[in-house]
Amino acid sequence: MEINESHEVEKKKPQIQMGQIKQTWRMEAVGIEDLMTEYQDEKEVLLRSKQRRYLVIANVEKAFLQVHLKREDEDVT
């Protein structure tokens, strides 16, 4: 939502398209498909996600590969 100059609340249009949703479901890094049971489908999960304020989708593998350590810190456990 945004408040314009006349202090009216305007709803933003969704910024995600169905093609993007389908592409997201195909991504292996999301992992949602692995967690779904045989009784759930993609549409149900997306509809339930609207019940919350935020939905986080992340490519964990890409994020992990971007972590860099100094050579002297590599053996710290």
N, C-alpha and C. Protein backbone atom coordinates (compact mmCIF):
# COMPACT_ATOMS: atom_id res chain seq x y z
N MET A 1 0.83 -1.18 0.00
CA MET A 1 0.00 0.00 0.00
C MET A 1 0.88 1.24 0.00
N GLU A 2 0.38 2.25 -0.66
CA GLU A 2 1.06 3.54 -0.67
C GLU A 2 0.06 4.63 -0.33
N ILE A 3 0.55 5.69 0.25
CA ILE A 3 -0.31 6.84 0.55
C ILE A 3 0.12 7.96 -0.39
N ASN A 4 -0.82 8.43 -1.21
CA ASN A 4 -0.47 9.49 -2.16
C ASN A 4 -0.60 10.86 -1.50
N GLU A 5 -0.41 11.92 -2.29
CA GLU A 5 -0.41 13.28 -1.74
C GLU A 5 -1.74 13.67 -1.11
N SER A 6 -2.83 13.13 -1.61
CA SER A 6 -4.15 13.47 -1.04
C SER A 6 -4.49 12.54 0.13
N HIS A 7 -3.50 11.80 0.61
CA HIS A 7 -3.63 10.91 1.77
C HIS A 7 -4.64 9.79 1.55
N GLU A 8 -4.77 9.36 0.30
CA GLU A 8 -5.60 8.21 -0.01
C GLU A 8 -4.70 6.99 -0.10
N VAL A 9 -5.19 5.89 0.38
CA VAL A 9 -4.42 4.66 0.35
C VAL A 9 -4.66 3.97 -0.99
N GLU A 10 -3.58 3.66 -1.68
CA GLU A 10 -3.67 2.97 -2.96
C GLU A 10 -3.04 1.60 -2.82
N LYS A 11 -3.74 0.58 -3.27
CA LYS A 11 -3.17 -0.76 -3.25
C LYS A 11 -2.24 -0.93 -4.43
N LYS A 12 -1.10 -1.53 -4.17
CA LYS A 12 -0.17 -1.81 -5.25
C LYS A 12 -0.63 -3.05 -5.99
N LYS A 13 -0.38 -3.07 -7.28
CA LYS A 13 -0.67 -4.26 -8.07
C LYS A 13 0.41 -5.29 -7.79
N PRO A 14 0.06 -6.57 -7.84
CA PRO A 14 1.08 -7.60 -7.61
C PRO A 14 2.22 -7.45 -8.61
N GLN A 15 3.43 -7.61 -8.14
CA GLN A 15 4.58 -7.45 -9.00
C GLN A 15 5.06 -8.78 -9.57
N ILE A 16 4.43 -9.86 -9.20
CA ILE A 16 4.85 -11.17 -9.67
C ILE A 16 3.81 -11.70 -10.65
N GLN A 17 4.27 -12.30 -11.71
CA GLN A 17 3.40 -12.84 -12.75
C GLN A 17 3.36 -14.36 -12.63
N MET A 18 2.34 -14.99 -13.22
CA MET A 18 2.21 -16.44 -13.15
C MET A 18 3.43 -17.14 -13.74
N GLY A 19 4.00 -16.59 -14.79
CA GLY A 19 5.19 -17.20 -15.38
C GLY A 19 6.34 -17.24 -14.39
N GLN A 20 6.47 -16.19 -13.58
CA GLN A 20 7.51 -16.16 -12.56
C GLN A 20 7.24 -17.20 -11.47
N ILE A 21 5.96 -17.37 -11.12
CA ILE A 21 5.61 -18.37 -10.10
C ILE A 21 5.96 -19.76 -10.61
N LYS A 22 5.60 -20.05 -11.85
CA LYS A 22 5.90 -21.37 -12.41
C LYS A 22 7.41 -21.60 -12.46
N GLN A 23 8.16 -20.57 -12.83
CA GLN A 23 9.61 -20.70 -12.89
C GLN A 23 10.18 -20.94 -11.49
N THR A 24 9.62 -20.26 -10.50
CA THR A 24 10.08 -20.44 -9.12
C THR A 24 9.88 -21.87 -8.66
N TRP A 25 8.75 -22.46 -9.01
CA TRP A 25 8.48 -23.84 -8.59
C TRP A 25 9.43 -24.82 -9.24
N ARG A 26 9.97 -24.47 -10.40
CA ARG A 26 10.90 -25.37 -11.08
C ARG A 26 12.30 -25.31 -10.49
N MET A 27 12.59 -24.28 -9.73
CA MET A 27 13.93 -24.12 -9.16
C MET A 27 14.18 -25.19 -8.10
N GLU A 28 15.27 -25.89 -8.23
CA GLU A 28 15.61 -26.92 -7.26
C GLU A 28 15.98 -26.34 -5.91
N ALA A 29 16.57 -25.15 -5.91
CA ALA A 29 17.07 -24.56 -4.66
C ALA A 29 15.95 -24.17 -3.71
N VAL A 30 14.74 -23.98 -4.21
CA VAL A 30 13.64 -23.56 -3.34
C VAL A 30 13.35 -24.65 -2.33
N GLY A 31 13.30 -25.91 -2.77
CA GLY A 31 13.11 -27.01 -1.84
C GLY A 31 11.69 -27.20 -1.36
N ILE A 32 10.76 -26.36 -1.77
CA ILE A 32 9.38 -26.50 -1.31
C ILE A 32 8.79 -27.81 -1.80
N GLU A 33 9.10 -28.18 -3.03
CA GLU A 33 8.54 -29.41 -3.58
C GLU A 33 8.98 -30.62 -2.75
N ASP A 34 10.18 -30.58 -2.21
CA ASP A 34 10.65 -31.69 -1.39
C ASP A 34 9.89 -31.78 -0.07
N LEU A 35 9.42 -30.65 0.44
CA LEU A 35 8.72 -30.63 1.72
C LEU A 35 7.23 -30.88 1.59
N MET A 36 6.70 -30.80 0.38
CA MET A 36 5.26 -30.96 0.19
C MET A 36 4.87 -32.42 0.32
N THR A 37 3.69 -32.65 0.85
CA THR A 37 3.17 -34.01 0.93
C THR A 37 2.38 -34.29 -0.33
N GLU A 38 1.95 -35.52 -0.50
CA GLU A 38 1.19 -35.87 -1.69
C GLU A 38 -0.19 -35.22 -1.69
N TYR A 39 -0.63 -34.68 -0.56
CA TYR A 39 -1.96 -34.07 -0.47
C TYR A 39 -1.93 -32.57 -0.75
N GLN A 40 -0.77 -32.01 -0.88
CA GLN A 40 -0.64 -30.59 -1.15
C GLN A 40 -0.29 -30.37 -2.61
N ASP A 41 -0.68 -29.26 -3.13
CA ASP A 41 -0.24 -28.89 -4.46
C ASP A 41 0.34 -27.47 -4.42
N GLU A 42 0.95 -27.07 -5.50
CA GLU A 42 1.63 -25.78 -5.54
C GLU A 42 0.67 -24.63 -5.29
N LYS A 43 -0.52 -24.71 -5.87
CA LYS A 43 -1.50 -23.63 -5.72
C LYS A 43 -1.91 -23.47 -4.27
N GLU A 44 -2.11 -24.58 -3.57
CA GLU A 44 -2.51 -24.52 -2.15
C GLU A 44 -1.43 -23.85 -1.31
N VAL A 45 -0.17 -24.19 -1.56
CA VAL A 45 0.92 -23.59 -0.80
C VAL A 45 0.98 -22.09 -1.06
N LEU A 46 0.83 -21.68 -2.32
CA LEU A 46 0.84 -20.26 -2.65
C LEU A 46 -0.32 -19.52 -1.99
N LEU A 47 -1.50 -20.13 -1.99
CA LEU A 47 -2.65 -19.47 -1.36
C LEU A 47 -2.45 -19.33 0.15
N ARG A 48 -1.88 -20.36 0.78
CA ARG A 48 -1.62 -20.27 2.22
C ARG A 48 -0.55 -19.24 2.53
N SER A 49 0.37 -19.02 1.60
CA SER A 49 1.42 -18.04 1.85
C SER A 49 0.87 -16.63 1.91
N LYS A 50 -0.30 -16.40 1.34
CA LYS A 50 -0.92 -15.07 1.38
C LYS A 50 -1.45 -14.74 2.77
N GLN A 51 -1.53 -15.71 3.67
CA GLN A 51 -2.04 -15.47 5.01
C GLN A 51 -1.04 -14.70 5.87
N ARG A 52 0.18 -14.67 5.47
CA ARG A 52 1.23 -13.98 6.23
C ARG A 52 1.61 -12.69 5.53
N ARG A 53 2.36 -11.87 6.23
CA ARG A 53 2.76 -10.58 5.66
C ARG A 53 3.92 -10.72 4.69
N TYR A 54 4.83 -11.65 4.97
CA TYR A 54 6.02 -11.80 4.14
C TYR A 54 6.15 -13.23 3.64
N LEU A 55 6.70 -13.37 2.47
CA LEU A 55 7.02 -14.67 1.90
C LEU A 55 8.47 -14.58 1.43
N VAL A 56 9.30 -15.47 1.91
CA VAL A 56 10.72 -15.42 1.57
C VAL A 56 11.05 -16.61 0.67
N ILE A 57 11.63 -16.29 -0.46
CA ILE A 57 12.12 -17.31 -1.37
C ILE A 57 13.59 -17.00 -1.59
N ALA A 58 14.44 -17.98 -1.37
CA ALA A 58 15.87 -17.71 -1.47
C ALA A 58 16.59 -18.83 -2.19
N ASN A 59 17.62 -18.48 -2.88
CA ASN A 59 18.50 -19.46 -3.50
C ASN A 59 19.66 -19.66 -2.54
N VAL A 60 19.52 -20.63 -1.65
CA VAL A 60 20.49 -20.84 -0.58
C VAL A 60 21.83 -21.27 -1.14
N GLU A 61 21.82 -22.09 -2.17
CA GLU A 61 23.08 -22.55 -2.75
C GLU A 61 23.89 -21.36 -3.27
N LYS A 62 23.25 -20.46 -3.98
CA LYS A 62 23.96 -19.29 -4.50
C LYS A 62 24.47 -18.42 -3.35
N ALA A 63 23.66 -18.22 -2.32
CA ALA A 63 24.08 -17.42 -1.18
C ALA A 63 25.27 -18.07 -0.48
N PHE A 64 25.24 -19.40 -0.32
CA PHE A 64 26.33 -20.11 0.34
C PHE A 64 27.63 -19.97 -0.44
N LEU A 65 27.54 -20.04 -1.76
CA LEU A 65 28.74 -19.96 -2.58
C LEU A 65 29.35 -18.57 -2.60
N GLN A 66 28.63 -17.57 -2.14
CA GLN A 66 29.15 -16.21 -2.12
C GLN A 66 29.84 -15.88 -0.80
N VAL A 67 29.88 -16.81 0.14
CA VAL A 67 30.55 -16.59 1.42
C VAL A 67 32.04 -16.82 1.22
N HIS A 68 32.83 -15.86 1.63
CA HIS A 68 34.29 -15.97 1.49
C HIS A 68 34.94 -15.86 2.87
N LEU A 69 35.94 -16.69 3.10
CA LEU A 69 36.69 -16.66 4.36
C LEU A 69 38.14 -16.32 4.07
N LYS A 70 38.75 -15.67 5.02
CA LYS A 70 40.19 -15.45 4.92
C LYS A 70 40.87 -16.80 5.09
N ARG A 71 42.02 -16.96 4.48
CA ARG A 71 42.75 -18.23 4.53
C ARG A 71 43.00 -18.67 5.98
N GLU A 72 43.34 -17.73 6.87
CA GLU A 72 43.64 -18.10 8.26
C GLU A 72 42.39 -18.50 9.05
N ASP A 73 41.21 -18.16 8.55
CA ASP A 73 39.97 -18.50 9.26
C ASP A 73 39.31 -19.78 8.74
N GLU A 74 39.85 -20.40 7.72
CA GLU A 74 39.20 -21.55 7.11
C GLU A 74 39.14 -22.76 8.02
N ASP A 75 40.08 -22.93 8.94
CA ASP A 75 40.10 -24.11 9.80
C ASP A 75 39.40 -23.90 11.14
N VAL A 76 38.77 -22.77 11.34
CA VAL A 76 38.07 -22.49 12.60
C VAL A 76 36.77 -23.27 12.62
N THR A 77 36.52 -23.98 13.74
CA THR A 77 35.26 -24.74 13.85
C THR A 77 34.49 -24.32 15.06
